[in-house]
């Protein structure tokens, strides 16, 4: 009787163990532009996420990706972005993005770095990664979130389906934000020679 009960318990628990192992199955996908339509793959992930999206990207101007992020915010997903000032110069629709409620931070470090030629330069925020917390997916590679990056440029993308890799990228995201970022509003409130005065004055 005891043996029968034990066997029944084993058969009852086994499917749960297998399901748990399957949910932690890690794999990697590799894509290349322009042949693989990487923008549509990124948009698909954005549309699937239900909890949190954190993206650190040098240049974000792709209208489809921006629209997907705005819609994600509307359906209750927490969206946080870190962008390089290059995105500001590229005239991304930052006003509409900010009005959706997503948190946008601009890389603006106070310390400059010495180049090998002995000149001081402001370091770039040159990452191109995106973290999907609920999906347990990390998107990274050379692909800037631009139409050119998807349709014309030679770029690569690595999509890591592994929940154990989410935490390191979230930690790096938070580190970049703390180390040298300003909120979008604060960034525009600081007068700089290369800023568009009209945009600075009217930005919400």
N, C-alpha and C. Protein backbone atom coordinates (compact mmCIF):
# COMPACT_ATOMS: atom_id res chain seq x y z
N UNK A 1 0.83 -1.20 0.00
CA UNK A 1 0.00 0.00 0.00
C UNK A 1 0.86 1.25 0.00
N UNK A 2 1.92 1.20 0.81
CA UNK A 2 2.83 2.35 0.87
C UNK A 2 3.53 2.55 -0.46
N UNK A 3 3.91 1.43 -1.10
CA UNK A 3 4.60 1.52 -2.38
C UNK A 3 3.67 2.12 -3.44
N UNK A 4 2.43 1.67 -3.41
CA UNK A 4 1.46 2.19 -4.38
C UNK A 4 1.25 3.69 -4.19
N UNK A 5 1.19 4.13 -2.93
CA UNK A 5 1.01 5.55 -2.64
C UNK A 5 2.21 6.36 -3.10
N UNK A 6 3.40 5.79 -2.89
CA UNK A 6 4.63 6.47 -3.30
C UNK A 6 4.70 6.61 -4.81
N UNK A 7 4.31 5.53 -5.51
CA UNK A 7 4.33 5.59 -6.97
C UNK A 7 3.32 6.62 -7.49
N UNK A 8 2.17 6.65 -6.85
CA UNK A 8 1.16 7.63 -7.26
C UNK A 8 1.67 9.05 -7.08
N UNK A 9 2.42 9.28 -5.96
CA UNK A 9 2.98 10.60 -5.71
C UNK A 9 4.02 10.96 -6.76
N UNK A 10 4.86 9.99 -7.11
CA UNK A 10 5.91 10.22 -8.10
C UNK A 10 5.29 10.59 -9.45
N UNK A 11 4.26 9.83 -9.86
CA UNK A 11 3.62 10.11 -11.16
C UNK A 11 2.88 11.44 -11.15
N UNK A 12 2.43 11.85 -9.98
CA UNK A 12 1.72 13.13 -9.88
C UNK A 12 2.68 14.30 -9.96
N UNK A 13 3.87 14.15 -9.37
CA UNK A 13 4.84 15.23 -9.29
C UNK A 13 5.68 15.34 -10.57
N UNK A 14 5.94 14.21 -11.22
CA UNK A 14 6.82 14.19 -12.39
C UNK A 14 6.43 15.19 -13.47
N UNK A 15 5.14 15.28 -13.86
CA UNK A 15 4.80 16.27 -14.89
C UNK A 15 5.10 17.70 -14.47
N UNK A 16 4.94 17.99 -13.16
CA UNK A 16 5.23 19.33 -12.67
C UNK A 16 6.71 19.64 -12.78
N UNK A 17 7.54 18.65 -12.47
CA UNK A 17 9.00 18.83 -12.57
C UNK A 17 9.40 19.07 -14.02
N UNK A 18 8.82 18.28 -14.92
CA UNK A 18 9.15 18.43 -16.34
C UNK A 18 8.71 19.79 -16.85
N UNK A 19 7.54 20.24 -16.39
CA UNK A 19 7.05 21.55 -16.81
C UNK A 19 7.95 22.66 -16.32
N UNK A 20 8.44 22.52 -15.07
CA UNK A 20 9.33 23.52 -14.50
C UNK A 20 10.65 23.55 -15.26
N UNK A 21 11.18 22.38 -15.61
CA UNK A 21 12.42 22.32 -16.36
C UNK A 21 12.25 22.94 -17.75
N UNK A 22 11.09 22.67 -18.36
CA UNK A 22 10.83 23.22 -19.69
C UNK A 22 10.78 24.74 -19.66
N UNK A 23 10.20 25.27 -18.57
CA UNK A 23 10.07 26.72 -18.48
C UNK A 23 11.41 27.40 -18.32
N UNK A 24 12.43 26.67 -17.87
CA UNK A 24 13.76 27.23 -17.70
C UNK A 24 14.70 26.83 -18.82
N UNK A 25 14.16 26.23 -19.86
CA UNK A 25 15.00 25.83 -20.99
C UNK A 25 15.53 27.07 -21.68
N UNK A 26 16.84 27.19 -21.75
CA UNK A 26 17.48 28.38 -22.33
C UNK A 26 17.94 28.08 -23.75
N UNK A 27 17.78 29.08 -24.61
CA UNK A 27 18.28 28.96 -25.97
C UNK A 27 18.54 30.35 -26.52
N UNK A 28 19.31 30.40 -27.60
CA UNK A 28 19.73 31.66 -28.20
C UNK A 28 19.35 31.68 -29.67
N UNK A 29 18.84 32.82 -30.13
CA UNK A 29 18.56 33.02 -31.54
C UNK A 29 19.48 34.10 -32.09
N UNK A 30 19.96 33.92 -33.30
CA UNK A 30 20.82 34.91 -33.96
C UNK A 30 20.17 35.39 -35.25
N UNK A 31 20.18 36.71 -35.43
CA UNK A 31 19.59 37.30 -36.63
C UNK A 31 20.53 38.34 -37.21
N UNK A 32 20.32 38.61 -38.49
CA UNK A 32 21.16 39.58 -39.18
C UNK A 32 20.29 40.46 -40.09
N UNK A 33 20.63 41.73 -40.09
CA UNK A 33 19.94 42.63 -41.01
C UNK A 33 20.88 42.90 -42.20
N UNK A 34 20.29 43.17 -43.37
CA UNK A 34 18.87 43.42 -43.58
C UNK A 34 18.02 42.20 -43.90
N UNK A 35 18.59 41.00 -43.91
CA UNK A 35 17.85 39.85 -44.45
C UNK A 35 16.78 39.29 -43.52
N UNK A 36 16.89 39.53 -42.20
CA UNK A 36 16.01 38.83 -41.25
C UNK A 36 14.88 39.67 -40.66
N UNK A 37 14.66 40.87 -41.17
CA UNK A 37 13.57 41.71 -40.65
C UNK A 37 13.61 41.80 -39.12
N UNK A 38 14.75 42.24 -38.62
CA UNK A 38 14.94 42.23 -37.17
C UNK A 38 13.99 43.19 -36.45
N UNK A 39 13.55 44.24 -37.14
CA UNK A 39 12.64 45.18 -36.48
C UNK A 39 11.31 44.50 -36.12
N UNK A 40 10.79 43.67 -37.02
CA UNK A 40 9.52 43.00 -36.73
C UNK A 40 9.67 41.99 -35.60
N UNK A 41 10.84 41.40 -35.47
CA UNK A 41 11.08 40.45 -34.38
C UNK A 41 11.12 41.18 -33.04
N UNK A 42 11.73 42.36 -33.02
CA UNK A 42 11.76 43.14 -31.79
C UNK A 42 10.36 43.63 -31.43
N UNK A 43 9.62 44.10 -32.40
CA UNK A 43 8.26 44.56 -32.16
C UNK A 43 7.39 43.43 -31.60
N UNK A 44 7.59 42.23 -32.12
CA UNK A 44 6.83 41.08 -31.63
C UNK A 44 7.09 40.82 -30.15
N UNK A 45 8.34 40.92 -29.73
CA UNK A 45 8.68 40.72 -28.33
C UNK A 45 8.05 41.82 -27.46
N UNK A 46 8.11 43.05 -27.95
CA UNK A 46 7.49 44.17 -27.21
C UNK A 46 5.99 43.91 -27.02
N UNK A 47 5.35 43.41 -28.07
CA UNK A 47 3.91 43.15 -28.00
C UNK A 47 3.57 42.00 -27.07
N UNK A 48 4.51 41.07 -26.88
CA UNK A 48 4.26 39.92 -26.02
C UNK A 48 4.51 40.21 -24.54
N UNK A 49 5.37 41.17 -24.24
CA UNK A 49 5.73 41.44 -22.84
C UNK A 49 4.55 42.01 -22.07
N UNK A 50 4.37 41.56 -20.84
CA UNK A 50 3.23 42.00 -20.02
C UNK A 50 3.65 42.68 -18.72
N UNK A 51 4.94 42.76 -18.43
CA UNK A 51 5.36 43.31 -17.14
C UNK A 51 6.29 44.50 -17.26
N UNK A 52 7.50 44.29 -17.78
CA UNK A 52 8.51 45.34 -17.76
C UNK A 52 9.44 45.24 -18.97
N UNK A 53 9.72 46.41 -19.56
CA UNK A 53 10.68 46.52 -20.65
C UNK A 53 11.70 47.58 -20.27
N UNK A 54 12.97 47.23 -20.30
CA UNK A 54 14.05 48.18 -20.07
C UNK A 54 14.96 48.13 -21.29
N UNK A 55 15.12 49.28 -21.95
CA UNK A 55 15.95 49.32 -23.15
C UNK A 55 16.99 50.42 -23.03
N UNK A 56 18.22 50.07 -23.36
CA UNK A 56 19.31 51.05 -23.44
C UNK A 56 19.81 51.00 -24.88
N UNK A 57 19.61 52.11 -25.60
CA UNK A 57 19.91 52.09 -27.03
C UNK A 57 20.49 53.43 -27.47
N UNK A 58 21.54 53.35 -28.26
CA UNK A 58 22.23 54.55 -28.74
C UNK A 58 21.31 55.42 -29.59
N UNK A 59 20.63 54.80 -30.55
CA UNK A 59 19.76 55.57 -31.43
C UNK A 59 18.41 54.89 -31.56
N UNK A 60 17.35 55.61 -31.23
CA UNK A 60 15.99 55.09 -31.30
C UNK A 60 15.13 56.04 -32.11
N UNK A 61 14.90 55.70 -33.37
CA UNK A 61 14.06 56.53 -34.25
C UNK A 61 13.04 55.72 -35.03
N UNK A 62 13.08 54.40 -34.92
CA UNK A 62 12.20 53.53 -35.71
C UNK A 62 10.76 53.73 -35.26
N UNK A 63 9.90 54.21 -36.14
CA UNK A 63 8.53 54.56 -35.77
C UNK A 63 7.74 53.35 -35.29
N UNK A 64 7.93 52.21 -35.95
CA UNK A 64 7.20 51.01 -35.56
C UNK A 64 7.57 50.54 -34.16
N UNK A 65 8.86 50.58 -33.84
CA UNK A 65 9.32 50.18 -32.51
C UNK A 65 8.82 51.17 -31.47
N UNK A 66 8.89 52.45 -31.79
CA UNK A 66 8.39 53.48 -30.86
C UNK A 66 6.90 53.29 -30.61
N UNK A 67 6.14 53.05 -31.67
CA UNK A 67 4.70 52.83 -31.52
C UNK A 67 4.42 51.62 -30.63
N UNK A 68 5.20 50.56 -30.81
CA UNK A 68 5.01 49.35 -30.00
C UNK A 68 5.30 49.63 -28.53
N UNK A 69 6.32 50.43 -28.26
CA UNK A 69 6.64 50.79 -26.88
C UNK A 69 5.54 51.65 -26.25
N UNK A 70 5.01 52.58 -27.04
CA UNK A 70 3.92 53.43 -26.56
C UNK A 70 2.69 52.58 -26.24
N UNK A 71 2.37 51.64 -27.12
CA UNK A 71 1.21 50.77 -26.90
C UNK A 71 1.44 49.85 -25.69
N UNK A 72 2.67 49.42 -25.50
CA UNK A 72 2.99 48.59 -24.34
C UNK A 72 2.73 49.35 -23.05
N UNK A 73 3.14 50.61 -23.04
CA UNK A 73 2.89 51.46 -21.86
C UNK A 73 1.40 51.63 -21.62
N UNK A 74 0.64 51.80 -22.69
CA UNK A 74 -0.81 51.99 -22.57
C UNK A 74 -1.49 50.78 -21.95
N UNK A 75 -0.96 49.58 -22.22
CA UNK A 75 -1.61 48.39 -21.67
C UNK A 75 -1.04 47.99 -20.30
N UNK A 76 -0.23 48.88 -19.71
CA UNK A 76 0.21 48.68 -18.34
C UNK A 76 1.60 48.14 -18.14
N UNK A 77 2.36 48.00 -19.21
CA UNK A 77 3.74 47.53 -19.09
C UNK A 77 4.63 48.68 -18.62
N UNK A 78 5.50 48.41 -17.67
CA UNK A 78 6.48 49.41 -17.24
C UNK A 78 7.56 49.52 -18.30
N UNK A 79 7.71 50.72 -18.86
CA UNK A 79 8.69 50.93 -19.93
C UNK A 79 9.70 51.98 -19.48
N UNK A 80 10.97 51.60 -19.49
CA UNK A 80 12.06 52.51 -19.16
C UNK A 80 13.07 52.51 -20.29
N UNK A 81 13.49 53.69 -20.71
CA UNK A 81 14.44 53.81 -21.81
C UNK A 81 15.64 54.65 -21.39
N UNK A 82 16.81 54.23 -21.81
CA UNK A 82 18.01 55.06 -21.74
C UNK A 82 18.48 55.30 -23.16
N UNK A 83 18.64 56.56 -23.53
CA UNK A 83 19.08 56.89 -24.88
C UNK A 83 20.33 57.76 -24.81
N UNK A 84 21.09 57.73 -25.87
CA UNK A 84 22.23 58.63 -26.03
C UNK A 84 21.70 59.96 -26.59
N UNK A 85 22.39 61.07 -26.32
CA UNK A 85 21.96 62.35 -26.91
C UNK A 85 21.84 62.32 -28.43
N UNK A 86 22.48 61.34 -29.07
CA UNK A 86 22.36 61.23 -30.53
C UNK A 86 20.89 61.05 -30.93
N UNK A 87 20.12 60.32 -30.11
CA UNK A 87 18.70 60.14 -30.39
C UNK A 87 17.96 61.47 -30.35
N UNK A 88 18.37 62.35 -29.43
CA UNK A 88 17.77 63.69 -29.35
C UNK A 88 18.08 64.47 -30.62
N UNK A 89 19.34 64.42 -31.04
CA UNK A 89 19.75 65.14 -32.26
C UNK A 89 19.07 64.58 -33.50
N UNK A 90 18.75 63.28 -33.46
CA UNK A 90 18.11 62.65 -34.62
C UNK A 90 16.62 62.95 -34.69
N UNK A 91 16.14 63.80 -33.77
CA UNK A 91 14.74 64.25 -33.77
C UNK A 91 13.76 63.10 -33.62
N UNK A 92 14.04 62.21 -32.71
CA UNK A 92 13.07 61.16 -32.37
C UNK A 92 11.83 61.82 -31.76
N UNK A 93 10.65 61.20 -31.89
CA UNK A 93 9.42 61.79 -31.34
C UNK A 93 9.35 61.66 -29.82
N UNK A 94 10.26 62.34 -29.15
CA UNK A 94 10.40 62.19 -27.71
C UNK A 94 9.19 62.72 -26.95
N UNK A 95 8.56 63.76 -27.49
CA UNK A 95 7.41 64.34 -26.80
C UNK A 95 6.29 63.30 -26.67
N UNK A 96 5.98 62.64 -27.78
CA UNK A 96 4.91 61.64 -27.76
C UNK A 96 5.27 60.47 -26.86
N UNK A 97 6.53 60.08 -26.87
CA UNK A 97 6.97 58.99 -26.02
C UNK A 97 6.83 59.35 -24.55
N UNK A 98 7.24 60.58 -24.21
CA UNK A 98 7.15 61.02 -22.82
C UNK A 98 5.70 61.16 -22.37
N UNK A 99 4.84 61.63 -23.25
CA UNK A 99 3.44 61.83 -22.90
C UNK A 99 2.72 60.51 -22.66
N UNK A 100 3.26 59.42 -23.18
CA UNK A 100 2.67 58.10 -22.93
C UNK A 100 2.89 57.64 -21.50
N UNK A 101 3.85 58.30 -20.81
CA UNK A 101 4.13 57.95 -19.42
C UNK A 101 5.36 57.10 -19.22
N UNK A 102 6.00 56.68 -20.31
CA UNK A 102 7.22 55.89 -20.15
C UNK A 102 8.35 56.75 -19.59
N UNK A 103 9.23 56.13 -18.83
CA UNK A 103 10.36 56.84 -18.23
C UNK A 103 11.52 56.87 -19.23
N UNK A 104 11.98 58.07 -19.57
CA UNK A 104 13.05 58.22 -20.54
C UNK A 104 14.21 58.95 -19.88
N UNK A 105 15.40 58.39 -20.01
CA UNK A 105 16.61 58.98 -19.45
C UNK A 105 17.62 59.20 -20.56
N UNK A 106 18.34 60.31 -20.47
CA UNK A 106 19.33 60.66 -21.48
C UNK A 106 20.73 60.58 -20.85
N UNK A 107 21.61 59.89 -21.54
CA UNK A 107 23.00 59.76 -21.09
C UNK A 107 23.68 61.12 -21.12
N UNK A 108 24.14 61.59 -19.97
CA UNK A 108 24.77 62.91 -19.88
C UNK A 108 25.82 62.91 -18.77
N UNK A 109 26.88 62.11 -18.94
CA UNK A 109 27.89 61.98 -17.88
C UNK A 109 28.65 63.28 -17.67
N UNK A 110 29.03 63.53 -16.45
CA UNK A 110 29.75 64.75 -16.11
C UNK A 110 31.25 64.62 -16.33
N UNK A 111 31.74 63.41 -16.33
CA UNK A 111 33.18 63.19 -16.50
C UNK A 111 33.50 62.77 -17.92
N UNK A 112 34.51 63.40 -18.50
CA UNK A 112 34.96 63.04 -19.83
C UNK A 112 36.12 62.06 -19.73
N UNK A 113 36.35 61.34 -20.80
CA UNK A 113 37.40 60.34 -20.85
C UNK A 113 38.50 60.77 -21.81
N UNK A 114 39.74 60.41 -21.46
CA UNK A 114 40.88 60.75 -22.29
C UNK A 114 41.03 59.73 -23.43
N UNK A 115 41.17 60.23 -24.66
CA UNK A 115 41.38 59.33 -25.79
C UNK A 115 42.86 59.00 -25.92
N UNK A 116 43.16 58.09 -26.84
CA UNK A 116 44.56 57.72 -27.04
C UNK A 116 45.37 58.85 -27.68
N UNK A 117 44.68 59.90 -28.16
CA UNK A 117 45.35 61.06 -28.72
C UNK A 117 45.47 62.20 -27.71
N UNK A 118 45.09 61.90 -26.47
CA UNK A 118 45.24 62.90 -25.42
C UNK A 118 44.15 63.95 -25.37
N UNK A 119 43.01 63.67 -26.00
CA UNK A 119 41.90 64.62 -25.98
C UNK A 119 40.78 64.10 -25.09
N UNK A 120 40.10 65.03 -24.44
CA UNK A 120 38.97 64.67 -23.60
C UNK A 120 37.70 64.57 -24.43
N UNK A 121 37.00 63.46 -24.30
CA UNK A 121 35.76 63.24 -25.03
C UNK A 121 34.68 62.73 -24.08
N UNK A 122 33.44 63.12 -24.37
CA UNK A 122 32.32 62.57 -23.61
C UNK A 122 32.04 61.15 -24.11
N UNK A 123 32.05 60.16 -23.24
CA UNK A 123 31.81 58.79 -23.69
C UNK A 123 30.37 58.61 -24.17
N UNK A 124 30.20 57.72 -25.14
CA UNK A 124 28.88 57.44 -25.68
C UNK A 124 28.16 56.39 -24.82
N UNK A 125 26.84 56.42 -24.87
CA UNK A 125 26.05 55.33 -24.35
C UNK A 125 25.70 54.49 -25.58
N UNK A 126 26.56 53.53 -25.88
CA UNK A 126 26.53 52.85 -27.17
C UNK A 126 25.87 51.48 -27.12
N UNK A 127 25.18 51.18 -26.01
CA UNK A 127 24.48 49.91 -25.90
C UNK A 127 23.31 49.84 -26.87
N UNK A 128 22.90 48.62 -27.16
CA UNK A 128 21.67 48.37 -27.93
C UNK A 128 21.02 47.12 -27.36
N UNK A 129 20.59 47.20 -26.10
CA UNK A 129 19.96 46.02 -25.51
C UNK A 129 18.59 46.34 -24.96
N UNK A 130 17.79 45.29 -24.85
CA UNK A 130 16.43 45.43 -24.37
C UNK A 130 16.11 44.20 -23.51
N UNK A 131 15.53 44.43 -22.34
CA UNK A 131 15.25 43.36 -21.39
C UNK A 131 13.74 43.22 -21.22
N UNK A 132 13.26 42.01 -21.41
CA UNK A 132 11.84 41.69 -21.24
C UNK A 132 11.71 40.79 -20.01
N UNK A 133 11.27 41.36 -18.90
CA UNK A 133 11.35 40.65 -17.63
C UNK A 133 10.41 39.44 -17.54
N UNK A 134 9.17 39.60 -17.96
CA UNK A 134 8.22 38.49 -17.85
C UNK A 134 8.56 37.38 -18.83
N UNK A 135 8.97 37.75 -20.03
CA UNK A 135 9.34 36.75 -21.02
C UNK A 135 10.66 36.07 -20.68
N UNK A 136 11.48 36.73 -19.86
CA UNK A 136 12.80 36.18 -19.55
C UNK A 136 13.72 36.23 -20.75
N UNK A 137 13.66 37.33 -21.49
CA UNK A 137 14.41 37.45 -22.75
C UNK A 137 15.28 38.70 -22.72
N UNK A 138 16.48 38.56 -23.25
CA UNK A 138 17.38 39.70 -23.45
C UNK A 138 17.67 39.82 -24.94
N UNK A 139 17.48 41.01 -25.47
CA UNK A 139 17.79 41.32 -26.87
C UNK A 139 19.05 42.18 -26.88
N UNK A 140 20.05 41.81 -27.65
CA UNK A 140 21.27 42.61 -27.71
C UNK A 140 21.94 42.41 -29.07
N UNK A 141 23.01 43.16 -29.29
CA UNK A 141 23.71 43.09 -30.57
C UNK A 141 24.10 44.47 -31.06
N UNK A 142 24.35 44.60 -32.36
CA UNK A 142 24.79 45.89 -32.92
C UNK A 142 23.65 46.73 -33.45
N UNK A 143 22.45 46.17 -33.51
CA UNK A 143 21.31 46.82 -34.15
C UNK A 143 20.79 48.01 -33.36
N UNK A 144 20.94 49.23 -33.94
CA UNK A 144 20.26 50.40 -33.42
C UNK A 144 18.80 50.33 -33.83
N UNK A 145 17.92 50.90 -33.01
CA UNK A 145 16.49 50.79 -33.27
C UNK A 145 16.08 51.85 -34.30
N UNK A 146 16.53 51.65 -35.52
CA UNK A 146 16.27 52.57 -36.62
C UNK A 146 15.81 51.78 -37.85
N UNK A 147 15.14 52.46 -38.76
CA UNK A 147 14.74 51.82 -40.01
C UNK A 147 15.95 51.43 -40.84
N UNK A 148 16.96 52.30 -40.85
CA UNK A 148 18.18 52.00 -41.60
C UNK A 148 18.86 50.75 -41.05
N UNK A 149 18.84 50.62 -39.73
CA UNK A 149 19.47 49.46 -39.11
C UNK A 149 18.81 48.16 -39.50
N UNK A 150 17.52 48.21 -39.77
CA UNK A 150 16.79 47.00 -40.15
C UNK A 150 16.80 46.76 -41.65
N UNK A 151 16.66 47.82 -42.44
CA UNK A 151 16.46 47.67 -43.88
C UNK A 151 17.73 47.76 -44.72
N UNK A 152 18.77 48.42 -44.19
CA UNK A 152 19.93 48.69 -45.03
C UNK A 152 21.25 48.23 -44.42
N UNK A 153 21.45 48.53 -43.15
CA UNK A 153 22.77 48.29 -42.54
C UNK A 153 23.05 46.80 -42.32
N UNK A 154 24.33 46.50 -42.25
CA UNK A 154 24.76 45.16 -41.85
C UNK A 154 24.86 45.12 -40.32
N UNK A 155 23.90 44.48 -39.68
CA UNK A 155 23.83 44.44 -38.22
C UNK A 155 23.60 43.02 -37.74
N UNK A 156 23.84 42.81 -36.46
CA UNK A 156 23.56 41.50 -35.87
C UNK A 156 22.72 41.65 -34.62
N UNK A 157 21.94 40.63 -34.33
CA UNK A 157 21.09 40.59 -33.14
C UNK A 157 21.22 39.22 -32.50
N UNK A 158 21.35 39.21 -31.18
CA UNK A 158 21.33 37.97 -30.41
C UNK A 158 20.18 38.06 -29.42
N UNK A 159 19.27 37.10 -29.48
CA UNK A 159 18.13 37.06 -28.58
C UNK A 159 18.33 35.90 -27.61
N UNK A 160 18.51 36.23 -26.35
CA UNK A 160 18.82 35.24 -25.32
C UNK A 160 17.56 34.92 -24.53
N UNK A 161 17.05 33.72 -24.70
CA UNK A 161 15.88 33.26 -23.94
C UNK A 161 16.39 32.52 -22.71
N UNK A 162 16.69 33.26 -21.69
CA UNK A 162 17.28 32.68 -20.47
C UNK A 162 17.03 33.64 -19.31
N UNK A 163 16.17 33.24 -18.39
CA UNK A 163 15.80 34.11 -17.28
C UNK A 163 16.99 34.47 -16.40
N UNK A 164 18.03 33.62 -16.40
CA UNK A 164 19.19 33.90 -15.56
C UNK A 164 20.00 35.09 -16.09
N UNK A 165 19.80 35.45 -17.35
CA UNK A 165 20.53 36.56 -17.94
C UNK A 165 19.79 37.89 -17.81
N UNK A 166 18.57 37.86 -17.34
CA UNK A 166 17.80 39.10 -17.18
C UNK A 166 18.42 39.98 -16.10
N UNK A 167 18.73 39.39 -14.95
CA UNK A 167 19.24 40.17 -13.81
C UNK A 167 20.53 40.94 -14.13
N UNK A 168 21.54 40.32 -14.78
CA UNK A 168 22.75 41.09 -15.10
C UNK A 168 22.49 42.30 -15.99
N UNK A 169 21.59 42.16 -16.94
CA UNK A 169 21.30 43.29 -17.83
C UNK A 169 20.48 44.36 -17.12
N UNK A 170 19.57 43.95 -16.24
CA UNK A 170 18.83 44.93 -15.45
C UNK A 170 19.79 45.69 -14.54
N UNK A 171 20.73 44.95 -13.96
CA UNK A 171 21.74 45.59 -13.09
C UNK A 171 22.58 46.60 -13.87
N UNK A 172 22.96 46.24 -15.09
CA UNK A 172 23.74 47.16 -15.92
C UNK A 172 22.91 48.37 -16.31
N UNK A 173 21.65 48.15 -16.63
CA UNK A 173 20.74 49.25 -16.97
C UNK A 173 20.67 50.24 -15.82
N UNK A 174 20.44 49.73 -14.62
CA UNK A 174 20.33 50.59 -13.44
C UNK A 174 21.64 51.31 -13.14
N UNK A 175 22.77 50.63 -13.41
CA UNK A 175 24.08 51.23 -13.19
C UNK A 175 24.31 52.40 -14.14
N UNK A 176 23.96 52.22 -15.41
CA UNK A 176 24.11 53.30 -16.39
C UNK A 176 23.23 54.49 -15.99
N UNK A 177 22.02 54.19 -15.60
CA UNK A 177 21.07 55.25 -15.22
C UNK A 177 21.59 56.06 -14.03
N UNK A 178 22.15 55.36 -13.06
CA UNK A 178 22.65 56.04 -11.86
C UNK A 178 23.96 56.76 -12.12
N UNK A 179 24.78 56.22 -13.01
CA UNK A 179 26.12 56.75 -13.24
C UNK A 179 26.13 58.06 -14.01
N UNK A 180 25.29 58.17 -15.04
CA UNK A 180 25.43 59.35 -15.88
C UNK A 180 24.21 59.75 -16.66
N UNK A 181 23.01 59.54 -16.12
CA UNK A 181 21.80 59.88 -16.85
C UNK A 181 20.99 60.97 -16.16
N UNK A 182 20.27 61.71 -16.97
CA UNK A 182 19.28 62.67 -16.48
C UNK A 182 17.92 62.30 -17.06
N UNK A 183 16.88 62.62 -16.33
CA UNK A 183 15.55 62.42 -16.90
C UNK A 183 15.43 63.30 -18.14
N UNK A 184 14.53 62.94 -19.01
CA UNK A 184 14.36 63.71 -20.24
C UNK A 184 14.05 65.17 -19.95
N UNK A 185 13.17 65.42 -19.00
CA UNK A 185 12.81 66.79 -18.65
C UNK A 185 14.02 67.55 -18.12
N UNK A 186 14.79 66.92 -17.23
CA UNK A 186 15.97 67.59 -16.68
C UNK A 186 17.01 67.86 -17.75
N UNK A 187 17.15 66.92 -18.68
CA UNK A 187 18.13 67.09 -19.75
C UNK A 187 17.79 68.31 -20.59
N UNK A 188 16.51 68.50 -20.89
CA UNK A 188 16.11 69.63 -21.71
C UNK A 188 16.10 70.94 -20.94
N UNK A 189 16.13 70.88 -19.62
CA UNK A 189 16.11 72.12 -18.83
C UNK A 189 17.49 72.74 -18.72
N UNK A 190 18.53 72.01 -19.14
CA UNK A 190 19.90 72.51 -19.05
C UNK A 190 20.30 73.09 -20.40
N UNK A 191 20.56 74.40 -20.49
CA UNK A 191 20.92 75.00 -21.78
C UNK A 191 22.28 74.52 -22.27
N UNK A 192 22.31 74.10 -23.52
CA UNK A 192 23.57 73.70 -24.15
C UNK A 192 23.62 74.26 -25.55
N UNK A 193 24.80 74.51 -26.04
CA UNK A 193 24.98 75.16 -27.33
C UNK A 193 24.38 74.35 -28.46
N UNK A 194 24.44 73.03 -28.37
CA UNK A 194 24.00 72.22 -29.49
C UNK A 194 22.55 71.77 -29.37
N UNK A 195 21.80 72.36 -28.45
CA UNK A 195 20.40 71.96 -28.30
C UNK A 195 19.48 72.86 -29.10
N UNK A 196 18.41 72.28 -29.58
CA UNK A 196 17.41 73.03 -30.31
C UNK A 196 16.61 73.88 -29.32
N UNK A 197 16.71 75.21 -29.42
CA UNK A 197 16.11 76.09 -28.42
C UNK A 197 14.59 75.95 -28.38
N UNK A 198 13.97 75.82 -29.55
CA UNK A 198 12.53 75.71 -29.58
C UNK A 198 12.08 74.44 -28.87
N UNK A 199 12.75 73.33 -29.14
CA UNK A 199 12.41 72.06 -28.49
C UNK A 199 12.62 72.15 -27.00
N UNK A 200 13.70 72.81 -26.57
CA UNK A 200 13.98 72.94 -25.14
C UNK A 200 12.89 73.75 -24.46
N UNK A 201 12.44 74.80 -25.09
CA UNK A 201 11.45 75.68 -24.48
C UNK A 201 10.10 74.99 -24.36
N UNK A 202 9.71 74.26 -25.39
CA UNK A 202 8.36 73.72 -25.44
C UNK A 202 8.22 72.30 -24.94
N UNK A 203 9.32 71.66 -24.62
CA UNK A 203 9.22 70.26 -24.24
C UNK A 203 8.42 70.12 -22.95
N UNK A 204 7.47 69.15 -22.88
CA UNK A 204 6.59 69.04 -21.71
C UNK A 204 7.32 68.60 -20.45
